[in-house]
Structures are given as structure tokens and as C-alpha cells.
């Protein structure tokens, strides 16, 4: 007979698998419309809508969101814990192997690491070199493996979330944005759909005001007010967190939410990736459309990676 504890663990594992699958699926769904700007431009390019995951280019199976996420996941398992040097080395290798989709802030930090800078020093130097462009979403897009690995230890989850972010994105909106996403994922993995309150409680005295204010808006915000296509701010980390949280609170279907984001304009691939992670953590594997599972590159391996992380945290 299955005990209540075993049933809870099994439920958490399927949510963890779906979180990683949802992230990769959202990323792959949104890549073709990234950079098109507006819903009107996307409708013109895709008159039938965006419904399926586009096949990736030959020899480059994952865009930056998914590639850096999977590298982080593999490092956490290989090292048994977070090792900034190992994670950074994996990201540098990925960059030098093509680095499809890599952002300018990430590239700057990884080049510094390649040249001998320590990981956290590289993040600080990259921020100092471009202070006005340092609050991008490049650290929240990849952070979900930390939630899977440390779901049983909230303070370590927060610490490692901020540390992995700081390697490339040392701005506090980025480091605490990653912590916010992972706290939300942790609550959803454990079945708490009222995660917004818990995130605010955990971060109330620590996170930047702009991030906290965005999260506070989520439960009452109208969809039309979401900052999806704000001029000159596509990719802003606070907007990405707000959009993902809103979807996890208000959207009943992972599939519909990710299609909507892929067609909405703005930073489509990362918005869909982060929302996909939270919706997967909320709803479990049955929420991933079977056709998307078939269209993913190495979907079975991604799901297994997530399961190993979640079980390591039990």
C-alpha cells in the first residue's frame, strides 16, 4: 500500500518533471516570435497562430534559456551541490560552442570568466560596465533547477538562487528575481497555489521595491495591464517575473498560457519559458500537451534530470 508520504513525493516529482519540461517547451515555442515586437507583427508572420514547437537549428538543440538551465541542472547533480566555478565553466563551454540566443550581459560576464575572472567578480564587472542594461531576465530564465534541488531547504534555495544569478547578472533585481521565481516554484511543487503571499513574506525585507511592487499587483491585475510589450523594456527582469506569476495565478491551462505569450510580443521565448516552469510546477506532467512532448529535443532526458533533482531534495 502506498503511504501518504509516498504519494506526496510522487506528486512532487511529476510537478518537478513538468516544471523543467514546461520551461524548455515554452522557450522552444517562443523562439520563432522573439524580436517581432508586437502581436500584430506576429499575426502577420504566423496567420495560423503559434501552436507547435518549431524544430531547432541543426547542431543547436537548445536556445540560451534551455541550454543554461540544463547546464545548471547537470552541474547541481554532478557536484552534489552548487559550485559556481563548475557552473560558470559549463556556461563558458556552451557559449564557445555557439551559444545560441546568448544575451549581451551574459556574454560579457562569461568572457571575463574565460579570461580568468572569478565567477562572482565577473558578474560585478559586467554590471559596472553596463549599469543601465544589467537588469535583464537572463538569470531568472535558467534558475528553476535550484528550486527542484533545494525545495526542502528554503533558505538554501534563496541563497543559491541569488548566487547562480550573480555570476552574470549582479543587479539586485535579477538576483532577487531569481529567488522570487524559485520560491514560487517551490510552493507550487508542494501544492500551494497561493504562492504569492509566501513569496512576499519571504522577500519582504530583502528584495528591491520594484520587484515587490510588481509581485503585489499580480492577484488583482487585469491581463491587459501586463507589461508585455513595453517599449524599450523587453527582457526587463521585473516584467518577466510579473508576467510569469500572473500566468501561474490566473491562467487555467499551461498550453493556452504559453501560446498566448508566444503570440503576445515582447520577449516571447523567455516569458513563455519562465511561465512554463511555474505552470508545470503547478499542474504536473498531464498539463504538457503530448504533441509538445514529441516535439521537444530529448524530452525523456529532461524529465529524468528534473526527477533526479527533485529526489535529491527530498
Protein backbone atom coordinates (compact mmCIF):
# COMPACT_ATOMS: atom_id res chain seq x y z
CA UNK A 1 0.00 0.00 0.00
CA UNK A 2 1.26 3.48 -0.91
CA UNK A 3 1.63 5.72 2.12
CA UNK A 4 0.52 9.34 2.21
CA UNK A 5 4.16 10.42 2.27
CA UNK A 6 5.00 8.33 -0.80
CA UNK A 7 2.00 9.77 -2.64
CA UNK A 8 3.10 13.32 -1.83
CA UNK A 9 6.61 12.59 -3.05
CA UNK A 10 5.30 11.08 -6.29
CA UNK A 11 3.12 14.14 -6.85
CA UNK A 12 6.06 16.46 -6.24
CA UNK A 13 8.20 14.51 -8.71
CA UNK A 14 5.67 14.79 -11.53
CA UNK A 15 5.37 18.52 -10.85
CA UNK A 16 9.17 18.83 -10.95
CA UNK A 17 9.35 16.97 -14.25
CA UNK A 18 6.68 19.26 -15.67
CA UNK A 19 8.46 22.39 -14.43
CA UNK A 20 11.58 21.60 -16.44
CA UNK A 21 9.62 20.34 -19.45
CA UNK A 22 7.39 23.42 -19.31
CA UNK A 23 10.39 25.73 -19.31
CA UNK A 24 12.01 24.07 -22.30
CA UNK A 25 8.70 23.84 -24.18
CA UNK A 26 7.90 27.50 -23.53
CA UNK A 27 11.34 28.53 -24.71
CA UNK A 28 11.11 26.46 -27.89
CA UNK A 29 7.58 27.69 -28.61
CA UNK A 30 8.53 31.35 -28.21
CA UNK A 31 11.85 31.43 -30.07
CA UNK A 32 10.36 31.94 -33.57
CA UNK A 33 8.44 35.05 -32.48
CA UNK A 34 11.19 36.58 -30.35
CA UNK A 35 12.12 40.01 -31.59
CA UNK A 36 8.99 40.53 -33.70
CA UNK A 37 7.83 43.15 -31.22
CA UNK A 38 4.06 43.28 -31.43
CA UNK A 39 1.11 40.86 -31.63
CA UNK A 40 0.23 42.39 -34.99
CA UNK A 41 3.63 41.56 -36.45
CA UNK A 42 3.39 38.02 -35.11
CA UNK A 43 -0.11 37.50 -36.57
CA UNK A 44 1.17 38.66 -39.93
CA UNK A 45 4.08 36.22 -39.80
CA UNK A 46 2.01 33.36 -38.32
CA UNK A 47 -1.56 33.78 -39.65
CA UNK A 48 -2.49 30.33 -38.35
CA UNK A 49 -1.14 31.13 -34.87
CA UNK A 50 1.75 29.60 -32.95
CA UNK A 51 0.66 26.13 -31.87
CA UNK A 52 3.63 23.80 -32.19
CA UNK A 53 7.26 23.80 -31.14
CA UNK A 54 9.47 24.76 -34.05
CA UNK A 55 12.34 22.34 -34.72
CA UNK A 56 15.65 23.85 -33.60
CA UNK A 57 18.51 24.50 -36.00
CA UNK A 58 20.73 21.55 -36.81
CA UNK A 59 23.50 21.16 -34.25
CA UNK A 60 21.95 23.66 -31.82
CA UNK A 61 19.17 21.88 -29.93
CA UNK A 62 18.61 24.48 -27.19
CA UNK A 63 18.31 28.27 -27.06
CA UNK A 64 20.04 30.12 -24.21
CA UNK A 65 17.13 29.78 -21.76
CA UNK A 66 17.03 26.00 -22.01
CA UNK A 67 20.74 25.42 -22.56
CA UNK A 68 21.86 27.34 -19.47
CA UNK A 69 19.08 25.79 -17.39
CA UNK A 70 20.13 22.27 -18.31
CA UNK A 71 23.80 23.05 -17.69
CA UNK A 72 22.90 24.32 -14.21
CA UNK A 73 20.81 21.22 -13.54
CA UNK A 74 23.59 18.87 -14.62
CA UNK A 75 26.15 20.73 -12.50
CA UNK A 76 23.96 20.51 -9.38
CA UNK A 77 23.74 16.75 -9.82
CA UNK A 78 27.36 16.15 -10.84
CA UNK A 79 28.80 18.22 -7.98
CA UNK A 80 26.17 17.24 -5.40
CA UNK A 81 25.68 20.91 -4.53
CA UNK A 82 26.02 24.35 -6.09
CA UNK A 83 29.54 25.01 -7.38
CA UNK A 84 29.83 28.42 -9.05
CA UNK A 85 33.12 27.56 -10.74
CA UNK A 86 31.71 24.40 -12.30
CA UNK A 87 28.50 26.10 -13.42
CA UNK A 88 30.39 29.01 -14.95
CA UNK A 89 32.76 26.65 -16.79
CA UNK A 90 29.79 24.80 -18.30
CA UNK A 91 28.24 28.06 -19.45
CA UNK A 92 31.54 29.21 -20.99
CA UNK A 93 31.79 25.92 -22.92
CA UNK A 94 28.22 26.36 -24.17
CA UNK A 95 28.98 29.95 -25.25
CA UNK A 96 32.05 28.84 -27.16
CA UNK A 97 30.10 26.02 -28.82
CA UNK A 98 27.76 28.55 -30.41
CA UNK A 99 25.77 29.98 -27.51
CA UNK A 100 22.55 30.36 -29.49
CA UNK A 101 20.47 33.25 -28.15
CA UNK A 102 23.06 34.46 -25.63
CA UNK A 103 22.39 37.94 -24.24
CA UNK A 104 24.94 40.72 -24.12
CA UNK A 105 25.14 40.84 -20.31
CA UNK A 106 25.65 37.09 -20.09
CA UNK A 107 28.26 37.15 -22.84
CA UNK A 108 30.20 39.96 -21.14
CA UNK A 109 30.37 38.10 -17.83
CA UNK A 110 31.28 34.76 -19.38
CA UNK A 111 34.05 36.35 -21.44
CA UNK A 112 35.51 37.77 -18.25
CA UNK A 113 35.38 34.33 -16.65
CA UNK A 114 37.05 32.84 -19.70
CA UNK A 115 39.82 35.41 -19.27
CA UNK A 116 40.38 34.42 -15.64
CA UNK A 117 37.91 36.39 -13.50
CA UNK A 118 36.23 34.62 -10.61
CA UNK A 119 32.53 33.97 -11.33
CA UNK A 120 31.03 36.49 -8.90
CA UNK A 121 33.62 39.12 -9.72
CA UNK A 122 32.76 38.71 -13.41
CA UNK A 123 29.12 39.42 -12.67
CA UNK A 124 30.02 42.59 -10.76
CA UNK A 125 32.36 43.78 -13.50
CA UNK A 126 29.79 43.13 -16.22
CA UNK A 127 27.23 45.15 -14.29
CA UNK A 128 29.65 48.03 -13.71
CA UNK A 129 30.45 48.14 -17.43
CA UNK A 130 26.77 48.42 -18.38
CA UNK A 131 24.78 49.62 -15.35
CA UNK A 132 21.71 50.60 -17.35
CA UNK A 133 21.44 47.28 -19.19
CA UNK A 134 22.13 44.92 -16.32
CA UNK A 135 18.57 44.11 -15.18
CA UNK A 136 17.70 41.66 -17.92
CA UNK A 137 15.91 38.36 -17.39
CA UNK A 138 18.91 36.17 -18.23
CA UNK A 139 19.23 34.86 -14.66
CA UNK A 140 15.56 34.10 -13.96
CA UNK A 141 15.16 32.17 -17.21
CA UNK A 142 17.59 29.48 -16.02
CA UNK A 143 17.05 29.35 -12.26
CA UNK A 144 14.41 26.61 -11.90
CA UNK A 145 16.83 23.68 -11.27
CA UNK A 146 17.68 25.35 -7.95
CA UNK A 147 14.03 25.14 -6.87
CA UNK A 148 13.92 21.46 -7.81
CA UNK A 149 17.14 20.64 -5.95
CA UNK A 150 16.51 22.68 -2.77
CA UNK A 151 12.72 22.55 -2.43
CA UNK A 152 13.23 21.09 1.04
CA UNK A 153 15.52 23.88 2.29
CA UNK A 154 14.04 27.32 1.74
CA UNK A 155 16.96 29.43 2.93
CA UNK A 156 19.43 27.49 0.82
CA UNK A 157 17.07 27.78 -2.14
CA UNK A 158 17.11 31.56 -1.73
CA UNK A 159 20.88 31.71 -1.31
CA UNK A 160 21.72 29.54 -4.30
CA UNK A 161 19.11 31.27 -6.46
CA UNK A 162 20.82 34.60 -5.91
CA UNK A 163 24.31 33.11 -6.30
CA UNK A 164 23.65 31.47 -9.68
CA UNK A 165 22.15 34.76 -10.86
CA UNK A 166 25.10 36.84 -9.68
CA UNK A 167 27.54 35.00 -11.94
CA UNK A 168 26.21 37.00 -14.90
CA UNK A 169 23.52 39.35 -13.52
CA UNK A 170 24.65 41.00 -10.27
CA UNK A 171 21.86 43.61 -10.23
CA UNK A 172 19.66 43.02 -7.16
CA UNK A 173 16.52 42.98 -9.29
CA UNK A 174 17.99 39.97 -11.08
CA UNK A 175 19.34 38.10 -8.06
CA UNK A 176 16.14 38.56 -6.04
CA UNK A 177 14.01 37.98 -9.13
CA UNK A 178 15.55 34.52 -9.38
CA UNK A 179 14.84 33.92 -5.70
CA UNK A 180 11.23 35.02 -6.21
CA UNK A 181 10.70 32.65 -9.15
CA UNK A 182 12.22 29.73 -7.27
CA UNK A 183 10.21 30.43 -4.12
CA UNK A 184 7.07 30.46 -6.25
CA UNK A 185 8.10 27.20 -7.91
CA UNK A 186 8.83 25.64 -4.52
CA UNK A 187 5.36 26.48 -3.23
CA UNK A 188 3.72 25.18 -6.39
CA UNK A 189 5.75 21.97 -6.26
CA UNK A 190 4.28 21.42 -2.80
CA UNK A 191 0.75 22.17 -3.98
CA UNK A 192 0.36 25.72 -2.67
CA UNK A 193 -1.45 27.76 -5.32
CA UNK A 194 -1.45 30.80 -3.01
CA UNK A 195 2.26 31.21 -3.52
CA UNK A 196 2.27 34.98 -3.96
CA UNK A 197 1.71 35.58 -0.26
CA UNK A 198 4.54 33.23 0.69
CA UNK A 199 6.98 34.83 -1.75
CA UNK A 200 6.19 38.29 -0.41
CA UNK A 201 6.58 37.05 3.16
CA UNK A 202 9.99 35.54 2.44
CA UNK A 203 11.34 38.52 0.49
CA UNK A 204 9.61 41.43 2.24
CA UNK A 205 12.71 42.87 3.92
CA UNK A 206 15.25 41.83 1.31
CA UNK A 207 14.14 42.28 -2.30
CA UNK A 208 14.11 45.59 -4.22
CA UNK A 209 10.91 47.63 -4.05
CA UNK A 210 10.25 47.45 -7.81
CA UNK A 211 10.17 43.66 -7.68
CA UNK A 212 7.96 43.50 -4.60
CA UNK A 213 5.51 46.02 -6.02
CA UNK A 214 5.20 44.03 -9.24
CA UNK A 215 4.51 40.81 -7.33
CA UNK A 216 1.93 42.53 -5.12
CA UNK A 217 -0.02 43.61 -8.23
CA UNK A 218 -0.38 40.09 -9.57
CA UNK A 219 -3.50 38.78 -7.73
CA UNK A 220 -5.62 41.79 -8.75
CA UNK A 221 -4.03 42.80 -12.05
CA UNK A 222 -6.01 42.77 -15.29
CA UNK A 223 -4.38 40.87 -18.13
CA UNK A 224 -4.41 43.94 -20.34
CA UNK A 225 -2.22 45.78 -17.82
CA UNK A 226 0.63 43.26 -18.01
CA UNK A 227 3.93 44.83 -19.17
CA UNK A 228 4.46 42.51 -22.13
CA UNK A 229 5.24 44.93 -24.95
CA UNK A 230 6.53 47.95 -23.05
CA UNK A 231 8.73 49.96 -25.40
CA UNK A 232 12.50 49.63 -24.75
CA UNK A 233 11.95 47.26 -21.82
CA UNK A 234 11.53 43.86 -23.46
CA UNK A 235 13.55 41.46 -21.34
CA UNK A 236 13.38 43.52 -18.14
CA UNK A 237 13.58 41.05 -15.28
CA UNK A 238 10.82 42.59 -13.12
CA UNK A 239 8.36 42.42 -16.01
CA UNK A 240 9.29 38.80 -16.71
CA UNK A 241 8.65 37.80 -13.09
CA UNK A 242 5.34 39.67 -13.02
CA UNK A 243 4.13 38.02 -16.24
CA UNK A 244 5.10 34.52 -15.10
CA UNK A 245 3.48 34.98 -11.69
CA UNK A 246 0.32 36.33 -13.31
CA UNK A 247 0.03 33.28 -15.56
CA UNK A 248 0.54 30.90 -12.64
CA UNK A 249 -2.21 32.67 -10.66
CA UNK A 250 -4.77 33.34 -13.38
CA UNK A 251 -4.27 31.04 -16.37
CA UNK A 252 -6.13 27.71 -16.11
CA UNK A 253 -4.16 25.98 -18.89
CA UNK A 254 -0.41 25.73 -19.45
CA UNK A 255 -0.88 25.22 -23.18
CA UNK A 256 -3.14 28.24 -23.65
CA UNK A 257 -0.90 30.42 -21.49
CA UNK A 258 2.27 29.62 -23.41
CA UNK A 259 0.59 30.04 -26.80
CA UNK A 260 -0.75 33.40 -25.65
CA UNK A 261 2.73 34.54 -24.57
CA UNK A 262 4.34 33.31 -27.78
CA UNK A 263 1.83 35.41 -29.72
CA UNK A 264 1.83 38.46 -27.43
CA UNK A 265 5.07 40.11 -28.48
CA UNK A 266 7.88 41.32 -26.27
CA UNK A 267 10.43 38.78 -25.06
CA UNK A 268 8.28 35.84 -26.09
CA UNK A 269 10.69 32.96 -25.53
CA UNK A 270 11.77 33.87 -22.01
CA UNK A 271 8.32 34.98 -20.88
CA UNK A 272 6.97 31.62 -22.03
CA UNK A 273 9.90 29.71 -20.53
CA UNK A 274 9.53 31.15 -17.01
CA UNK A 275 5.74 30.92 -17.10
CA UNK A 276 6.03 27.36 -18.41
CA UNK A 277 8.21 26.40 -15.45
CA UNK A 278 5.72 27.76 -12.91
CA UNK A 279 2.67 26.34 -14.67
CA UNK A 280 4.36 22.95 -14.93
CA UNK A 281 5.17 23.05 -11.23
CA UNK A 282 1.52 23.90 -10.56
CA UNK A 283 -0.19 21.35 -12.81
CA UNK A 284 2.17 18.40 -13.32
CA UNK A 285 3.05 16.43 -16.43
CA UNK A 286 -0.50 15.97 -17.71
CA UNK A 287 -0.51 19.70 -18.48
CA UNK A 288 2.21 19.29 -21.14
CA UNK A 289 0.49 18.60 -24.50
CA UNK A 290 1.56 15.20 -25.85
CA UNK A 291 2.50 16.72 -29.21
CA UNK A 292 4.88 19.11 -27.44
CA UNK A 293 6.48 16.19 -25.63
CA UNK A 294 7.09 14.62 -29.04
CA UNK A 295 8.48 17.87 -30.46
CA UNK A 296 10.94 18.51 -27.62
CA UNK A 297 14.57 17.60 -28.07
CA UNK A 298 15.34 14.81 -25.56
CA UNK A 299 12.12 15.28 -23.59
CA UNK A 300 12.62 11.99 -21.73
CA UNK A 301 16.12 13.00 -20.65
CA UNK A 302 14.92 16.42 -19.47
CA UNK A 303 12.17 14.82 -17.39
CA UNK A 304 14.64 12.36 -15.86
CA UNK A 305 17.03 15.19 -14.99
CA UNK A 306 14.23 17.03 -13.18
CA UNK A 307 13.23 13.91 -11.29
CA UNK A 308 16.77 13.30 -10.07
CA UNK A 309 16.99 16.89 -8.81
CA UNK A 310 13.65 16.68 -7.00
CA UNK A 311 14.52 13.37 -5.36
CA UNK A 312 17.86 14.75 -4.22
CA UNK A 313 15.94 17.41 -2.35
CA UNK A 314 13.57 15.04 -0.53
